[in-house]
Amino acid sequence: MFPNDLDPMFLGAALLCVVITGISKSGLGGGLGQLSVPIMAMFIAPSTAAAIMLPILCLIDLFNIWGYRKDFHRGNLLAMLPGAVIGIGIGALLFSHVDDNALRLLLGGISLIFALTYFIQQNPVSADSRRGKWLGLLCGTLSGFTSFVAHAGGGPVKIFLLPQRLSARVFVGTHVYFFFIVNQLKIWPYLWLGQFSTENLWTSLILVPAVPVGVWLGWRLIKIIDVETFYKICYVLLFVAGSKLIYDGMKGYGWV
């Protein structure tokens, strides 16, 4: 049934989330996009927000697969994707038992610590090395799991990719291809768990017009930004997202 009783405040917040997510995924390799579910969860259940956003994310991915069709790092994808499949499977099996607040604190803490390593000289880990393959598997698993439960898988991917100092387009393109595959895989367990109600899908459809706006702005952004500024912004976004996750986790436990 068409959701005629949508809260205007929710609709406005959701449209803004879609635009921000489009900009973030299309021009900054994610980051701010993972705040969409927490913001929408101020008005609706987090699981409902995640279900509404998944078709939107898949549509954004389709635009970006074309936009970044020549810009991605195959070795990094091969290192992370097996872990992503494992993480999605764990997320699907534990979906109804996940302590969201503990997850937020864990992921937020990891993201925050890594964001602060911007000030520490790091040796990049190649995806072709033994250590790189294990790190890719670990980050892929954590990303797949957190992406499944809250569309918040960008942090672990950045932990793996940022120290490699890829070009801005290859960094974003690798991120795009990884989450295109992850989001396609998530559709099936979401269906199995009954997440896609008619009302949720109608709400997703209402939000679709905001998708090309966000994607276009993201594509424009990456054309005008230099590499060093790009990486500084990515680390800042990771810090902001990590701080927000920690705050939300502490708030959920009643600690703040």
Protein backbone atom coordinates (compact mmCIF):
# COMPACT_ATOMS: atom_id res chain seq x y z
CA MET A 1 0.00 0.00 0.00
CA PHE A 2 1.29 3.49 -0.89
CA PRO A 3 2.47 5.21 2.33
CA ASN A 4 0.25 8.30 2.31
CA ASP A 5 0.94 8.98 5.98
CA LEU A 6 4.69 9.59 5.65
CA ASP A 7 5.93 12.06 8.24
CA PRO A 8 7.11 15.19 6.34
CA MET A 9 10.04 15.50 8.76
CA PHE A 10 11.08 11.91 8.03
CA LEU A 11 10.66 12.43 4.28
CA GLY A 12 12.83 15.55 4.33
CA ALA A 13 15.52 13.83 6.42
CA ALA A 14 15.42 10.73 4.20
CA LEU A 15 15.76 12.77 0.97
CA LEU A 16 18.73 14.62 2.47
CA CYS A 17 20.27 11.28 3.49
CA VAL A 18 19.94 9.96 -0.05
CA VAL A 19 21.61 13.05 -1.55
CA ILE A 20 24.44 12.93 1.00
CA THR A 21 24.87 9.20 0.44
CA GLY A 22 25.01 9.74 -3.33
CA ILE A 23 27.66 12.46 -2.96
CA SER A 24 29.67 10.40 -0.49
CA LYS A 25 29.62 7.12 -2.43
CA SER A 26 30.18 8.81 -5.81
CA GLY A 27 32.89 11.28 -4.87
CA LEU A 28 34.43 10.37 -1.52
CA GLY A 29 34.32 6.58 -1.35
CA GLY A 30 31.55 6.49 1.26
CA GLY A 31 31.91 7.80 4.81
CA LEU A 32 28.98 10.10 5.40
CA GLY A 33 26.70 7.59 3.71
CA GLN A 34 26.83 5.29 6.71
CA LEU A 35 25.10 7.97 8.76
CA SER A 36 21.90 7.55 6.72
CA VAL A 37 20.47 4.69 8.81
CA PRO A 38 21.16 6.38 12.20
CA ILE A 39 19.54 9.62 10.97
CA MET A 40 16.48 7.85 9.57
CA ALA A 41 16.30 5.75 12.73
CA MET A 42 15.39 8.94 14.60
CA PHE A 43 11.95 8.55 12.97
CA ILE A 44 11.56 4.81 12.22
CA ALA A 45 13.01 1.48 13.38
CA PRO A 46 16.67 0.94 12.36
CA SER A 47 15.79 -2.32 10.58
CA THR A 48 13.12 -0.50 8.55
CA ALA A 49 15.56 2.28 7.69
CA ALA A 50 18.10 -0.30 6.50
CA ALA A 51 15.47 -2.02 4.34
CA ILE A 52 14.39 1.29 2.76
CA MET A 53 17.98 2.29 2.01
CA LEU A 54 19.13 -0.97 0.38
CA PRO A 55 17.31 -0.45 -2.97
CA ILE A 56 18.56 3.15 -2.95
CA LEU A 57 22.14 1.99 -2.43
CA CYS A 58 21.79 -0.54 -5.24
CA LEU A 59 20.59 2.20 -7.60
CA ILE A 60 23.47 4.50 -6.62
CA ASP A 61 25.82 1.58 -7.27
CA LEU A 62 24.43 1.11 -10.79
CA PHE A 63 25.15 4.75 -11.68
CA ASN A 64 28.66 4.49 -10.26
CA ILE A 65 29.52 1.16 -11.89
CA TRP A 66 29.17 3.01 -15.18
CA GLY A 67 30.93 6.15 -13.95
CA TYR A 68 33.93 4.22 -12.59
CA ARG A 69 33.90 1.32 -15.05
CA LYS A 70 37.63 1.72 -15.79
CA ASP A 71 38.81 2.82 -12.34
CA PHE A 72 39.17 0.05 -9.76
CA HIS A 73 41.85 -2.15 -8.22
CA ARG A 74 41.21 -5.81 -9.01
CA GLY A 75 43.68 -7.18 -6.43
CA ASN A 76 42.04 -5.30 -3.57
CA LEU A 77 38.60 -6.55 -4.60
CA LEU A 78 39.82 -10.14 -4.70
CA ALA A 79 41.36 -9.72 -1.24
CA MET A 80 38.20 -8.32 0.39
CA LEU A 81 35.26 -10.04 -1.32
CA PRO A 82 35.66 -13.55 0.17
CA GLY A 83 35.54 -12.01 3.64
CA ALA A 84 32.52 -9.92 2.66
CA VAL A 85 30.59 -13.08 1.76
CA ILE A 86 31.47 -14.54 5.18
CA GLY A 87 30.47 -11.32 6.95
CA ILE A 88 27.12 -11.12 5.15
CA GLY A 89 26.39 -14.74 6.08
CA ILE A 90 27.18 -14.07 9.74
CA GLY A 91 25.05 -10.92 9.66
CA ALA A 92 22.08 -12.78 8.18
CA LEU A 93 22.28 -15.58 10.75
CA LEU A 94 22.73 -13.25 13.73
CA PHE A 95 20.52 -10.39 12.50
CA SER A 96 17.88 -10.80 15.21
CA HIS A 97 20.49 -11.28 17.95
CA VAL A 98 22.92 -8.46 17.19
CA ASP A 99 23.47 -5.93 19.96
CA ASP A 100 23.42 -2.78 17.85
CA ASN A 101 25.05 -0.65 20.53
CA ALA A 102 27.99 -3.01 21.06
CA LEU A 103 28.46 -3.12 17.29
CA ARG A 104 28.44 0.67 17.08
CA LEU A 105 31.05 0.96 19.84
CA LEU A 106 33.32 -1.65 18.25
CA LEU A 107 33.14 -0.25 14.74
CA GLY A 108 33.32 3.34 15.95
CA GLY A 109 36.40 2.62 18.06
CA ILE A 110 38.20 0.91 15.19
CA SER A 111 37.31 3.75 12.79
CA LEU A 112 38.41 6.41 15.26
CA ILE A 113 41.75 4.76 15.98
CA PHE A 114 42.45 4.33 12.30
CA ALA A 115 41.46 7.92 11.47
CA LEU A 116 44.06 9.13 13.98
CA THR A 117 46.76 7.12 12.20
CA TYR A 118 46.68 9.85 9.54
CA PHE A 119 49.25 11.58 11.75
CA ILE A 120 51.47 8.48 11.84
CA GLN A 121 53.68 7.43 8.94
CA GLN A 122 52.35 4.12 7.64
CA ASN A 123 53.73 1.48 5.31
CA PRO A 124 51.00 0.44 2.87
CA VAL A 125 50.07 -3.23 2.76
CA SER A 126 49.86 -4.67 -0.74
CA ALA A 127 46.82 -6.78 -1.52
CA ASP A 128 49.17 -9.26 -3.22
CA SER A 129 51.25 -9.92 -0.11
CA ARG A 130 50.41 -12.62 2.44
CA ARG A 131 49.76 -10.01 5.12
CA GLY A 132 47.65 -7.97 2.70
CA LYS A 133 45.47 -10.95 1.84
CA TRP A 134 44.78 -11.67 5.51
CA LEU A 135 44.10 -8.00 6.26
CA GLY A 136 41.81 -7.82 3.23
CA LEU A 137 39.93 -10.92 4.39
CA LEU A 138 39.52 -9.48 7.90
CA CYS A 139 38.41 -6.04 6.70
CA GLY A 140 36.11 -7.61 4.12
CA THR A 141 34.46 -9.80 6.76
CA LEU A 142 33.95 -6.90 9.16
CA SER A 143 32.65 -4.74 6.31
CA GLY A 144 30.23 -7.40 5.08
CA PHE A 145 28.84 -7.92 8.57
CA THR A 146 28.43 -4.25 9.48
CA SER A 147 27.11 -3.43 6.01
CA PHE A 148 24.44 -6.11 6.38
CA VAL A 149 23.16 -4.98 9.77
CA ALA A 150 23.42 -1.20 9.34
CA HIS A 151 24.88 -0.26 5.90
CA ALA A 152 27.96 0.84 7.84
CA GLY A 153 30.67 -1.16 6.08
CA GLY A 154 32.74 1.73 4.75
CA GLY A 155 35.12 2.03 7.71
CA PRO A 156 36.80 -1.38 7.39
CA VAL A 157 37.23 -0.88 3.63
CA LYS A 158 38.96 2.44 4.25
CA ILE A 159 41.21 0.83 6.85
CA PHE A 160 42.46 -1.47 4.10
CA LEU A 161 42.55 0.96 1.18
CA LEU A 162 43.57 4.37 2.54
CA PRO A 163 47.21 3.54 3.44
CA GLN A 164 47.77 2.36 -0.16
CA ARG A 165 47.37 5.94 -1.41
CA LEU A 166 45.60 4.93 -4.59
CA SER A 167 44.51 7.65 -6.99
CA ALA A 168 41.23 9.27 -5.96
CA ARG A 169 39.29 7.69 -8.83
CA VAL A 170 40.73 4.20 -8.28
CA PHE A 171 40.05 4.46 -4.54
CA VAL A 172 36.41 5.44 -5.12
CA GLY A 173 36.01 2.98 -7.99
CA THR A 174 37.30 0.07 -5.88
CA HIS A 175 34.91 1.10 -3.12
CA VAL A 176 32.06 1.29 -5.68
CA TYR A 177 32.68 -2.17 -7.14
CA PHE A 178 33.09 -3.76 -3.71
CA PHE A 179 29.79 -2.41 -2.41
CA PHE A 180 27.99 -3.06 -5.67
CA ILE A 181 28.70 -6.77 -5.14
CA VAL A 182 28.04 -6.60 -1.38
CA ASN A 183 24.69 -4.85 -1.80
CA GLN A 184 23.58 -7.29 -4.50
CA LEU A 185 24.40 -10.19 -2.18
CA LYS A 186 22.51 -8.56 0.71
CA ILE A 187 19.24 -8.50 -1.26
CA TRP A 188 18.64 -12.24 -0.88
CA PRO A 189 18.97 -12.58 2.91
CA TYR A 190 16.94 -9.36 3.26
CA LEU A 191 14.18 -11.09 1.31
CA TRP A 192 14.59 -14.22 3.45
CA LEU A 193 14.25 -12.12 6.62
CA GLY A 194 11.12 -10.38 5.30
CA GLN A 195 12.67 -6.92 5.30
CA PHE A 196 11.10 -5.77 2.02
CA SER A 197 7.51 -4.93 2.88
CA THR A 198 5.34 -3.20 0.29
CA GLU A 199 5.41 0.00 2.33
CA ASN A 200 9.21 -0.06 2.61
CA LEU A 201 9.58 -0.51 -1.14
CA TRP A 202 7.13 2.31 -1.88
CA THR A 203 9.11 4.58 0.43
CA SER A 204 12.31 3.64 -1.40
CA LEU A 205 10.62 4.52 -4.69
CA ILE A 206 9.59 7.95 -3.36
CA LEU A 207 13.25 8.66 -2.52
CA VAL A 208 14.60 7.62 -5.94
CA PRO A 209 14.53 11.15 -7.53
CA ALA A 210 17.20 12.25 -5.03
CA VAL A 211 19.63 9.57 -6.25
CA PRO A 212 20.87 11.18 -9.52
CA VAL A 213 21.24 14.54 -7.73
CA GLY A 214 23.63 13.07 -5.16
CA VAL A 215 25.53 10.99 -7.72
CA TRP A 216 26.01 13.94 -10.08
CA LEU A 217 27.30 16.14 -7.25
CA GLY A 218 29.71 13.39 -6.21
CA TRP A 219 31.04 13.04 -9.77
CA ARG A 220 31.55 16.80 -9.96
CA LEU A 221 33.34 16.83 -6.62
CA ILE A 222 35.98 14.25 -7.54
CA LYS A 223 36.83 16.19 -10.72
CA ILE A 224 37.75 19.36 -8.87
CA ILE A 225 39.44 18.02 -5.74
CA ASP A 226 43.18 17.31 -5.56
CA VAL A 227 44.48 13.99 -4.22
CA GLU A 228 45.91 15.29 -0.93
CA THR A 229 42.72 17.15 -0.07
CA PHE A 230 40.71 14.07 -1.06
CA TYR A 231 42.58 11.89 1.43
CA LYS A 232 42.33 14.48 4.20
CA ILE A 233 38.55 14.60 3.69
CA CYS A 234 38.33 10.79 3.75
CA TYR A 235 40.18 10.61 7.07
CA VAL A 236 38.01 13.39 8.51
CA LEU A 237 34.84 11.58 7.40
CA LEU A 238 36.11 8.38 8.98
CA PHE A 239 36.77 10.28 12.22
CA VAL A 240 33.31 11.89 12.16
CA ALA A 241 31.58 8.58 11.40
CA GLY A 242 33.55 6.78 14.13
CA SER A 243 32.73 9.48 16.68
CA LYS A 244 29.04 9.34 15.75
CA LEU A 245 28.96 5.55 16.09
CA ILE A 246 30.60 5.70 19.52
CA TYR A 247 28.19 8.39 20.69
CA ASP A 248 25.18 6.43 19.43
CA GLY A 249 26.44 3.27 21.15
CA MET A 250 27.01 5.05 24.45
CA LYS A 251 23.63 6.75 24.18
CA GLY A 252 21.97 3.40 23.51
CA TYR A 253 23.43 2.04 26.74
CA GLY A 254 22.37 5.16 28.63
CA TRP A 255 25.95 6.22 29.31
CA VAL A 256 25.40 9.75 27.93
